[in-house]
Amino acid sequence: MNKINVTQAPVNSKIRWVERISYLMDEQFRIPGTNFRFGLDPIINLIPVLGDISGFAVSATLVATMAKHGASGKILALMILNIVLDSTIGAIPLIGQIFDFTFKANTRNIKLLKAHYIEGKYKGSGKGLIATILIVLFFLILLLLFLLFKLTEWLFSYL
């Protein structure tokens, strides 16, 4: 039992400041009378482009810090997927603002980190996960290009 406490103490000190920044970005404020919490991220994202970039930069810095402290490739891939999803959907006007209040990528990443360091989950390389994500993105891009082509074709048919 002492061995677990000894190994967890350095891990907790490594992620303590990351937890604080994550809390500030995703959970700092509470709507009175509810349990709904939100942070600076959705507020900052109300500023077009600059808000999205700054939120992504903070999240990316947190992931880079954990990479520096030895997080596995698999957990880093999952964390990057969270922030890319948050940034991509968060950039869509109106829908993105609603999404930013609910998705909370930094909080999700902290949960992943705790599961990784404390429970020993998500060990190993993230190469398979990254390859799967790239294949899915490739097909999504092809689908979007096809839909854009069909939309253009439809618009020109009416002209």
Protein backbone atom coordinates (compact mmCIF):
# COMPACT_ATOMS: atom_id res chain seq x y z
CA MET A 1 0.00 0.00 0.00
CA ASN A 2 2.85 2.41 0.74
CA LYS A 3 4.25 1.74 -2.70
CA ILE A 4 1.04 3.03 -4.34
CA ASN A 5 1.07 6.22 -2.26
CA VAL A 6 4.76 6.83 -3.02
CA THR A 7 4.28 6.44 -6.77
CA GLN A 8 1.10 8.51 -6.85
CA ALA A 9 2.60 11.51 -5.00
CA PRO A 10 4.94 12.56 -7.84
CA VAL A 11 2.19 11.95 -10.40
CA ASN A 12 -0.23 14.14 -8.47
CA SER A 13 2.34 16.95 -8.29
CA LYS A 14 2.91 16.65 -12.05
CA ILE A 15 -0.74 17.08 -12.91
CA ARG A 16 -1.81 19.44 -10.12
CA TRP A 17 -1.27 22.66 -12.12
CA VAL A 18 -2.78 21.03 -15.21
CA GLU A 19 -5.88 20.25 -13.13
CA ARG A 20 -6.10 23.87 -11.96
CA ILE A 21 -5.91 25.27 -15.50
CA SER A 22 -8.42 22.68 -16.70
CA TYR A 23 -10.80 23.63 -13.87
CA LEU A 24 -10.44 27.33 -14.77
CA MET A 25 -11.14 26.64 -18.44
CA ASP A 26 -14.06 24.21 -18.00
CA GLU A 27 -15.55 24.24 -14.49
CA GLN A 28 -14.79 27.53 -12.68
CA PHE A 29 -18.30 28.99 -12.61
CA ARG A 30 -21.65 27.50 -11.61
CA ILE A 31 -25.10 28.65 -12.65
CA PRO A 32 -26.88 29.40 -9.34
CA GLY A 33 -29.50 26.87 -8.38
CA THR A 34 -28.07 24.19 -10.71
CA ASN A 35 -25.13 21.83 -10.83
CA PHE A 36 -24.18 23.09 -14.32
CA ARG A 37 -20.61 24.35 -14.38
CA PHE A 38 -18.65 26.15 -17.08
CA GLY A 39 -15.32 27.90 -17.34
CA LEU A 40 -13.50 30.53 -19.32
CA ASP A 41 -13.29 28.44 -22.50
CA PRO A 42 -16.87 28.99 -23.71
CA ILE A 43 -16.72 32.65 -22.65
CA ILE A 44 -13.46 33.27 -24.53
CA ASN A 45 -14.86 31.42 -27.55
CA LEU A 46 -17.53 34.09 -27.90
CA ILE A 47 -14.77 36.16 -29.54
CA PRO A 48 -14.66 34.92 -33.14
CA VAL A 49 -11.42 33.23 -34.26
CA LEU A 50 -9.25 34.66 -31.44
CA GLY A 51 -11.26 32.84 -28.77
CA ASP A 52 -11.06 29.53 -30.62
CA ILE A 53 -7.32 29.89 -31.15
CA SER A 54 -6.62 30.82 -27.54
CA GLY A 55 -8.73 27.94 -26.17
CA PHE A 56 -6.93 25.52 -28.48
CA ALA A 57 -3.54 26.93 -27.44
CA VAL A 58 -4.27 26.42 -23.73
CA SER A 59 -5.51 22.88 -24.31
CA ALA A 60 -2.54 22.04 -26.53
CA THR A 61 -0.16 23.38 -23.88
CA LEU A 62 -1.74 21.09 -21.29
CA VAL A 63 -1.30 18.10 -23.61
CA ALA A 64 2.30 19.08 -24.39
CA THR A 65 3.02 19.31 -20.66
CA MET A 66 1.70 15.83 -20.09
CA ALA A 67 3.73 14.53 -23.03
CA LYS A 68 6.80 16.03 -21.39
CA HIS A 69 5.95 14.18 -18.17
CA GLY A 70 5.77 10.82 -19.87
CA ALA A 71 2.14 10.24 -20.83
CA SER A 72 1.81 7.31 -23.22
CA GLY A 73 1.23 7.75 -26.93
CA LYS A 74 -2.26 6.30 -26.68
CA ILE A 75 -3.40 8.79 -24.03
CA LEU A 76 -1.84 11.67 -25.94
CA ALA A 77 -3.73 10.62 -29.08
CA LEU A 78 -7.01 10.51 -27.12
CA MET A 79 -6.31 13.91 -25.58
CA ILE A 80 -5.46 15.46 -28.93
CA LEU A 81 -8.65 14.00 -30.38
CA ASN A 82 -10.61 15.72 -27.59
CA ILE A 83 -9.07 19.15 -28.22
CA VAL A 84 -9.33 18.88 -32.02
CA LEU A 85 -12.99 17.91 -31.70
CA ASP A 86 -13.58 20.76 -29.24
CA SER A 87 -11.82 23.28 -31.48
CA THR A 88 -13.40 22.12 -34.72
CA ILE A 89 -17.00 21.99 -33.56
CA GLY A 90 -16.43 24.99 -31.28
CA ALA A 91 -15.54 27.10 -34.32
CA ILE A 92 -19.02 26.70 -35.82
CA PRO A 93 -21.08 29.80 -34.99
CA LEU A 94 -23.87 29.28 -32.42
CA ILE A 95 -23.63 25.47 -32.44
CA GLY A 96 -20.00 25.82 -31.36
CA GLN A 97 -20.88 28.03 -28.39
CA ILE A 98 -23.45 25.53 -27.15
CA PHE A 99 -20.97 22.70 -27.70
CA ASP A 100 -18.25 24.56 -25.75
CA PHE A 101 -20.51 24.82 -22.71
CA THR A 102 -21.13 21.07 -22.70
CA PHE A 103 -18.14 19.17 -24.14
CA LYS A 104 -15.33 20.36 -21.79
CA ALA A 105 -12.28 18.82 -23.49
CA ASN A 106 -9.87 19.80 -20.71
CA THR A 107 -11.98 18.08 -18.06
CA ARG A 108 -12.18 14.98 -20.25
CA ASN A 109 -8.41 15.05 -20.63
CA ILE A 110 -7.90 15.28 -16.86
CA LYS A 111 -10.12 12.21 -16.41
CA LEU A 112 -8.04 10.39 -19.02
CA LEU A 113 -4.83 11.41 -17.21
CA LYS A 114 -6.10 10.17 -13.86
CA ALA A 115 -7.15 6.88 -15.40
CA HIS A 116 -3.73 6.62 -17.04
CA TYR A 117 -1.57 7.47 -14.05
CA ILE A 118 -3.64 6.12 -11.17
CA GLU A 119 -5.47 3.15 -12.71
CA GLY A 120 -2.82 2.27 -15.31
CA LYS A 121 -5.18 2.53 -18.30
CA TYR A 122 -4.34 3.68 -21.86
CA LYS A 123 -0.79 2.34 -21.92
CA GLY A 124 1.12 1.80 -25.12
CA SER A 125 1.44 3.44 -28.47
CA GLY A 126 -1.26 5.54 -30.03
CA LYS A 127 -0.26 4.63 -33.60
CA GLY A 128 -3.29 2.40 -34.23
CA LEU A 129 -5.66 5.04 -32.86
CA ILE A 130 -4.00 7.78 -34.92
CA ALA A 131 -4.17 5.64 -38.07
CA THR A 132 -7.87 4.96 -37.49
CA ILE A 133 -8.58 8.65 -36.92
CA LEU A 134 -6.69 9.62 -40.08
CA ILE A 135 -8.59 7.06 -42.16
CA VAL A 136 -11.94 8.27 -40.81
CA LEU A 137 -10.95 11.91 -41.44
CA PHE A 138 -9.87 11.05 -44.98
CA PHE A 139 -13.27 9.53 -45.74
CA LEU A 140 -15.08 12.44 -44.09
CA ILE A 141 -13.13 14.88 -46.26
CA LEU A 142 -14.01 12.84 -49.35
CA LEU A 143 -17.66 12.88 -48.32
CA LEU A 144 -17.58 16.64 -47.75
CA LEU A 145 -15.92 17.22 -51.13
CA PHE A 146 -18.56 15.06 -52.80
CA LEU A 147 -21.36 16.97 -51.05
CA LEU A 148 -19.76 20.28 -52.00
CA PHE A 149 -19.53 19.12 -55.61
CA LYS A 150 -23.20 18.08 -55.60
CA LEU A 151 -24.22 21.39 -54.01
CA THR A 152 -22.27 23.33 -56.64
CA GLU A 153 -23.76 21.19 -59.39
CA TRP A 154 -27.27 21.83 -58.01
CA LEU A 155 -26.67 25.60 -57.75
CA PHE A 156 -25.43 25.81 -61.35
CA SER A 157 -28.41 23.84 -62.60
CA TYR A 158 -30.67 26.67 -61.38
CA LEU A 159 -28.61 29.41 -63.03
